[in-house]
Amino acid sequence: MIDKIRFHPILAAGADYRLNEHFDLSVQPTFLYYLPYRKVMTYKNYQLGLQGQVLYHF
């Protein structure tokens, strides 16, 4: 079971924009780096992503 757990560094930076009194829009580009695992390199070592959120304030 413990051999199924792997750690990967991730880097993200984001920006928030206030749409109005109750809603915010948040966007975060991300970069994930996969550490080598058992010398098997059949996958790409990195992943780029984009996360977005709509936030509501009470």
PDB file of N, CA and C in Angstrom:
ATOM      1  N   MET A   1       0.816  -1.196   0.000  1.00  0.00           N
ATOM      2  CA  MET A   1       0.000   0.000   0.000  1.00  0.00           C
ATOM      3  C   MET A   1       0.863   1.265   0.000  1.00  0.00           C
ATOM      4  N   ILE A   2       1.920   1.288   0.816  1.00  0.00           N
ATOM      5  CA  ILE A   2       2.748   2.487   0.909  1.00  0.00           C
ATOM      6  C   ILE A   2       3.467   2.779  -0.399  1.00  0.00           C
ATOM      7  N   ASP A   3       3.725   1.768  -1.231  1.00  0.00           N
ATOM      8  CA  ASP A   3       4.410   2.018  -2.495  1.00  0.00           C
ATOM      9  C   ASP A   3       3.503   2.705  -3.518  1.00  0.00           C
ATOM     10  N   LYS A   4       2.205   2.831  -3.240  1.00  0.00           N
ATOM     11  CA  LYS A   4       1.283   3.530  -4.140  1.00  0.00           C
ATOM     12  C   LYS A   4       1.238   5.029  -3.874  1.00  0.00           C
ATOM     13  N   ILE A   5       1.848   5.474  -2.775  1.00  0.00           N
ATOM     14  CA  ILE A   5       1.861   6.897  -2.437  1.00  0.00           C
ATOM     15  C   ILE A   5       3.124   7.516  -3.017  1.00  0.00           C
ATOM     16  N   ARG A   6       2.960   8.565  -3.815  1.00  0.00           N
ATOM     17  CA  ARG A   6       4.094   9.283  -4.394  1.00  0.00           C
ATOM     18  C   ARG A   6       3.871  10.777  -4.213  1.00  0.00           C
ATOM     19  N   PHE A   7       4.963  11.504  -4.063  1.00  0.00           N
ATOM     20  CA  PHE A   7       4.897  12.943  -3.885  1.00  0.00           C
ATOM     21  C   PHE A   7       5.411  13.642  -5.136  1.00  0.00           C
ATOM     22  N   HIS A   8       4.747  14.730  -5.519  1.00  0.00           N
ATOM     23  CA  HIS A   8       5.129  15.498  -6.695  1.00  0.00           C
ATOM     24  C   HIS A   8       5.087  16.983  -6.351  1.00  0.00           C
ATOM     25  N   PRO A   9       6.162  17.717  -6.635  1.00  0.00           N
ATOM     26  CA  PRO A   9       6.130  19.160  -6.402  1.00  0.00           C
ATOM     27  C   PRO A   9       5.168  19.848  -7.373  1.00  0.00           C
ATOM     28  N   ILE A  10       4.473  20.864  -6.886  1.00  0.00           N
ATOM     29  CA  ILE A  10       3.548  21.631  -7.720  1.00  0.00           C
ATOM     30  C   ILE A  10       3.786  23.120  -7.456  1.00  0.00           C
ATOM     31  N   LEU A  11       3.716  23.907  -8.513  1.00  0.00           N
ATOM     32  CA  LEU A  11       3.900  25.347  -8.428  1.00  0.00           C
ATOM     33  C   LEU A  11       2.659  26.011  -9.020  1.00  0.00           C
ATOM     34  N   ALA A  12       2.092  26.955  -8.292  1.00  0.00           N
ATOM     35  CA  ALA A  12       0.885  27.636  -8.769  1.00  0.00           C
ATOM     36  C   ALA A  12       0.921  29.094  -8.332  1.00  0.00           C
ATOM     37  N   ALA A  13       0.340  29.936  -9.155  1.00  0.00           N
ATOM     38  CA  ALA A  13       0.165  31.347  -8.834  1.00  0.00           C
ATOM     39  C   ALA A  13      -1.192  31.743  -9.383  1.00  0.00           C
ATOM     40  N   GLY A  14      -1.875  32.633  -8.714  1.00  0.00           N
ATOM     41  CA  GLY A  14      -3.226  32.931  -9.158  1.00  0.00           C
ATOM     42  C   GLY A  14      -3.570  34.401  -9.094  1.00  0.00           C
ATOM     43  N   ALA A  15      -4.742  34.687  -9.592  1.00  0.00           N
ATOM     44  CA  ALA A  15      -5.268  36.050  -9.578  1.00  0.00           C
ATOM     45  C   ALA A  15      -6.753  35.989  -9.249  1.00  0.00           C
ATOM     46  N   ASP A  16      -7.207  36.969  -8.489  1.00  0.00           N
ATOM     47  CA  ASP A  16      -8.624  37.094  -8.131  1.00  0.00           C
ATOM     48  C   ASP A  16      -9.171  38.386  -8.720  1.00  0.00           C
ATOM     49  N   TYR A  17     -10.418  38.323  -9.128  1.00  0.00           N
ATOM     50  CA  TYR A  17     -11.091  39.506  -9.660  1.00  0.00           C
ATOM     51  C   TYR A  17     -12.469  39.607  -9.023  1.00  0.00           C
ATOM     52  N   ARG A  18     -12.766  40.737  -8.416  1.00  0.00           N
ATOM     53  CA  ARG A  18     -14.063  40.949  -7.780  1.00  0.00           C
ATOM     54  C   ARG A  18     -15.069  41.362  -8.847  1.00  0.00           C
ATOM     55  N   LEU A  19     -16.070  40.503  -9.080  1.00  0.00           N
ATOM     56  CA  LEU A  19     -17.094  40.791 -10.079  1.00  0.00           C
ATOM     57  C   LEU A  19     -18.116  41.794  -9.554  1.00  0.00           C
ATOM     58  N   ASN A  20     -18.554  41.581  -8.299  1.00  0.00           N
ATOM     59  CA  ASN A  20     -19.480  42.506  -7.637  1.00  0.00           C
ATOM     60  C   ASN A  20     -19.373  42.280  -6.134  1.00  0.00           C
ATOM     61  N   GLU A  21     -20.355  42.736  -5.372  1.00  0.00           N
ATOM     62  CA  GLU A  21     -20.306  42.646  -3.908  1.00  0.00           C
ATOM     63  C   GLU A  21     -20.247  41.206  -3.401  1.00  0.00           C
ATOM     64  N   HIS A  22     -20.800  40.256  -4.133  1.00  0.00           N
ATOM     65  CA  HIS A  22     -20.890  38.884  -3.648  1.00  0.00           C
ATOM     66  C   HIS A  22     -20.038  37.865  -4.410  1.00  0.00           C
ATOM     67  N   PHE A  23     -19.613  38.164  -5.617  1.00  0.00           N
ATOM     68  CA  PHE A  23     -18.920  37.171  -6.437  1.00  0.00           C
ATOM     69  C   PHE A  23     -17.497  37.587  -6.776  1.00  0.00           C
ATOM     70  N   ASP A  24     -16.582  36.616  -6.660  1.00  0.00           N
ATOM     71  CA  ASP A  24     -15.197  36.769  -7.104  1.00  0.00           C
ATOM     72  C   ASP A  24     -14.892  35.678  -8.120  1.00  0.00           C
ATOM     73  N   LEU A  25     -13.980  35.966  -9.023  1.00  0.00           N
ATOM     74  CA  LEU A  25     -13.500  34.993  -9.988  1.00  0.00           C
ATOM     75  C   LEU A  25     -12.018  34.776  -9.712  1.00  0.00           C
ATOM     76  N   SER A  26     -11.593  33.521  -9.598  1.00  0.00           N
ATOM     77  CA  SER A  26     -10.215  33.177  -9.302  1.00  0.00           C
ATOM     78  C   SER A  26      -9.677  32.253 -10.386  1.00  0.00           C
ATOM     79  N   VAL A  27      -8.446  32.522 -10.856  1.00  0.00           N
ATOM     80  CA  VAL A  27      -7.802  31.707 -11.894  1.00  0.00           C
ATOM     81  C   VAL A  27      -6.381  31.394 -11.447  1.00  0.00           C
ATOM     82  N   GLN A  28      -5.968  30.107 -11.589  1.00  0.00           N
ATOM     83  CA  GLN A  28      -4.628  29.686 -11.202  1.00  0.00           C
ATOM     84  C   GLN A  28      -4.020  28.785 -12.265  1.00  0.00           C
ATOM     85  N   PRO A  29      -2.971  29.233 -12.952  1.00  0.00           N
ATOM     86  CA  PRO A  29      -2.205  28.305 -13.777  1.00  0.00           C
ATOM     87  C   PRO A  29      -1.306  27.473 -12.856  1.00  0.00           C
ATOM     88  N   THR A  30      -1.120  26.197 -13.175  1.00  0.00           N
ATOM     89  CA  THR A  30      -0.319  25.299 -12.341  1.00  0.00           C
ATOM     90  C   THR A  30       0.722  24.563 -13.171  1.00  0.00           C
ATOM     91  N   PHE A  31       1.816  24.196 -12.526  1.00  0.00           N
ATOM     92  CA  PHE A  31       2.866  23.382 -13.125  1.00  0.00           C
ATOM     93  C   PHE A  31       3.183  22.259 -12.144  1.00  0.00           C
ATOM     94  N   LEU A  32       3.052  21.015 -12.577  1.00  0.00           N
ATOM     95  CA  LEU A  32       3.293  19.841 -11.742  1.00  0.00           C
ATOM     96  C   LEU A  32       4.445  19.054 -12.340  1.00  0.00           C
ATOM     97  N   TYR A  33       5.412  18.665 -11.505  1.00  0.00           N
ATOM     98  CA  TYR A  33       6.562  17.882 -11.952  1.00  0.00           C
ATOM     99  C   TYR A  33       6.506  16.504 -11.310  1.00  0.00           C
ATOM    100  N   TYR A  34       6.512  15.464 -12.133  1.00  0.00           N
ATOM    101  CA  TYR A  34       6.502  14.094 -11.628  1.00  0.00           C
ATOM    102  C   TYR A  34       7.929  13.643 -11.357  1.00  0.00           C
ATOM    103  N   LEU A  35       8.192  13.250 -10.128  1.00  0.00           N
ATOM    104  CA  LEU A  35       9.505  12.722  -9.785  1.00  0.00           C
ATOM    105  C   LEU A  35       9.673  11.337 -10.391  1.00  0.00           C
ATOM    106  N   PRO A  36      10.879  10.985 -10.836  1.00  0.00           N
ATOM    107  CA  PRO A  36      11.090   9.646 -11.415  1.00  0.00           C
ATOM    108  C   PRO A  36      10.701   8.549 -10.419  1.00  0.00           C
ATOM    109  N   TYR A  37      10.097   7.486 -10.936  1.00  0.00           N
ATOM    110  CA  TYR A  37       9.626   6.388 -10.093  1.00  0.00           C
ATOM    111  C   TYR A  37      10.140   5.067 -10.657  1.00  0.00           C
ATOM    112  N   ARG A  38      10.996   4.408  -9.913  1.00  0.00           N
ATOM    113  CA  ARG A  38      11.549   3.100 -10.272  1.00  0.00           C
ATOM    114  C   ARG A  38      12.158   3.075 -11.673  1.00  0.00           C
ATOM    115  N   LYS A  39      12.747   4.167 -12.068  1.00  0.00           N
ATOM    116  CA  LYS A  39      13.443   4.277 -13.351  1.00  0.00           C
ATOM    117  C   LYS A  39      12.567   3.956 -14.551  1.00  0.00           C
ATOM    118  N   VAL A  40      11.260   4.079 -14.395  1.00  0.00           N
ATOM    119  CA  VAL A  40      10.337   3.868 -15.510  1.00  0.00           C
ATOM    120  C   VAL A  40       9.929   5.248 -16.009  1.00  0.00           C
ATOM    121  N   MET A  41      10.270   5.561 -17.226  1.00  0.00           N
ATOM    122  CA  MET A  41       9.995   6.887 -17.766  1.00  0.00           C
ATOM    123  C   MET A  41       9.084   6.770 -18.983  1.00  0.00           C
ATOM    124  N   THR A  42       7.956   6.112 -18.840  1.00  0.00           N
ATOM    125  CA  THR A  42       7.034   5.941 -19.958  1.00  0.00           C
ATOM    126  C   THR A  42       5.973   7.031 -19.974  1.00  0.00           C
ATOM    127  N   TYR A  43       6.132   8.064 -19.169  1.00  0.00           N
ATOM    128  CA  TYR A  43       5.174   9.151 -19.104  1.00  0.00           C
ATOM    129  C   TYR A  43       5.932  10.470 -19.159  1.00  0.00           C
ATOM    130  N   LYS A  44       5.221  11.545 -19.421  1.00  0.00           N
ATOM    131  CA  LYS A  44       5.835  12.870 -19.413  1.00  0.00           C
ATOM    132  C   LYS A  44       6.137  13.271 -17.974  1.00  0.00           C
ATOM    133  N   ASN A  45       7.214  13.993 -17.786  1.00  0.00           N
ATOM    134  CA  ASN A  45       7.641  14.376 -16.444  1.00  0.00           C
ATOM    135  C   ASN A  45       6.905  15.590 -15.890  1.00  0.00           C
ATOM    136  N   TYR A  46       6.063  16.220 -16.675  1.00  0.00           N
ATOM    137  CA  TYR A  46       5.426  17.443 -16.216  1.00  0.00           C
ATOM    138  C   TYR A  46       3.973  17.511 -16.684  1.00  0.00           C
ATOM    139  N   GLN A  47       3.237  18.394 -16.050  1.00  0.00           N
ATOM    140  CA  GLN A  47       1.836  18.611 -16.418  1.00  0.00           C
ATOM    141  C   GLN A  47       1.522  20.089 -16.205  1.00  0.00           C
ATOM    142  N   LEU A  48       0.898  20.712 -17.174  1.00  0.00           N
ATOM    143  CA  LEU A  48       0.443  22.086 -17.068  1.00  0.00           C
ATOM    144  C   LEU A  48      -1.069  22.078 -16.894  1.00  0.00           C
ATOM    145  N   GLY A  49      -1.575  22.962 -16.068  1.00  0.00           N
ATOM    146  CA  GLY A  49      -3.014  22.985 -15.840  1.00  0.00           C
ATOM    147  C   GLY A  49      -3.520  24.392 -15.585  1.00  0.00           C
ATOM    148  N   LEU A  50      -4.825  24.519 -15.563  1.00  0.00           N
ATOM    149  CA  LEU A  50      -5.480  25.788 -15.273  1.00  0.00           C
ATOM    150  C   LEU A  50      -6.694  25.496 -14.400  1.00  0.00           C
ATOM    151  N   GLN A  51      -6.753  26.148 -13.254  1.00  0.00           N
ATOM    152  CA  GLN A  51      -7.867  25.966 -12.334  1.00  0.00           C
ATOM    153  C   GLN A  51      -8.632  27.275 -12.236  1.00  0.00           C
ATOM    154  N   GLY A  52      -9.940  27.175 -12.196  1.00  0.00           N
ATOM    155  CA  GLY A  52     -10.778  28.358 -12.066  1.00  0.00           C
ATOM    156  C   GLY A  52     -11.845  28.147 -11.004  1.00  0.00           C
ATOM    157  N   GLN A  53     -12.208  29.219 -10.323  1.00  0.00           N
ATOM    158  CA  GLN A  53     -13.225  29.148  -9.273  1.00  0.00           C
ATOM    159  C   GLN A  53     -14.105  30.388  -9.328  1.00  0.00           C
ATOM    160  N   VAL A  54     -15.336  30.207  -8.949  1.00  0.00           N
ATOM    161  CA  VAL A  54     -16.250  31.321  -8.694  1.00  0.00           C
ATOM    162  C   VAL A  54     -16.546  31.283  -7.198  1.00  0.00           C
ATOM    163  N   LEU A  55     -16.273  32.368  -6.492  1.00  0.00           N
ATOM    164  CA  LEU A  55     -16.452  32.431  -5.048  1.00  0.00           C
ATOM    165  C   LEU A  55     -17.628  33.328  -4.713  1.00  0.00           C
ATOM    166  N   TYR A  56     -18.439  32.891  -3.756  1.00  0.00           N
ATOM    167  CA  TYR A  56     -19.587  33.680  -3.308  1.00  0.00           C
ATOM    168  C   TYR A  56     -19.353  34.120  -1.868  1.00  0.00           C
ATOM    169  N   HIS A  57     -19.539  35.404  -1.594  1.00  0.00           N
ATOM    170  CA  HIS A  57     -19.394  35.959  -0.247  1.00  0.00           C
ATOM    171  C   HIS A  57     -20.772  36.268   0.322  1.00  0.00           C
ATOM    172  N   PHE A  58     -21.024  35.797   1.548  1.00  0.00           N
ATOM    173  CA  PHE A  58     -22.292  36.071   2.217  1.00  0.00           C
ATOM    174  C   PHE A  58     -22.305  37.459   2.800  1.00  0.00           C
TER     175      PHE A  58
END
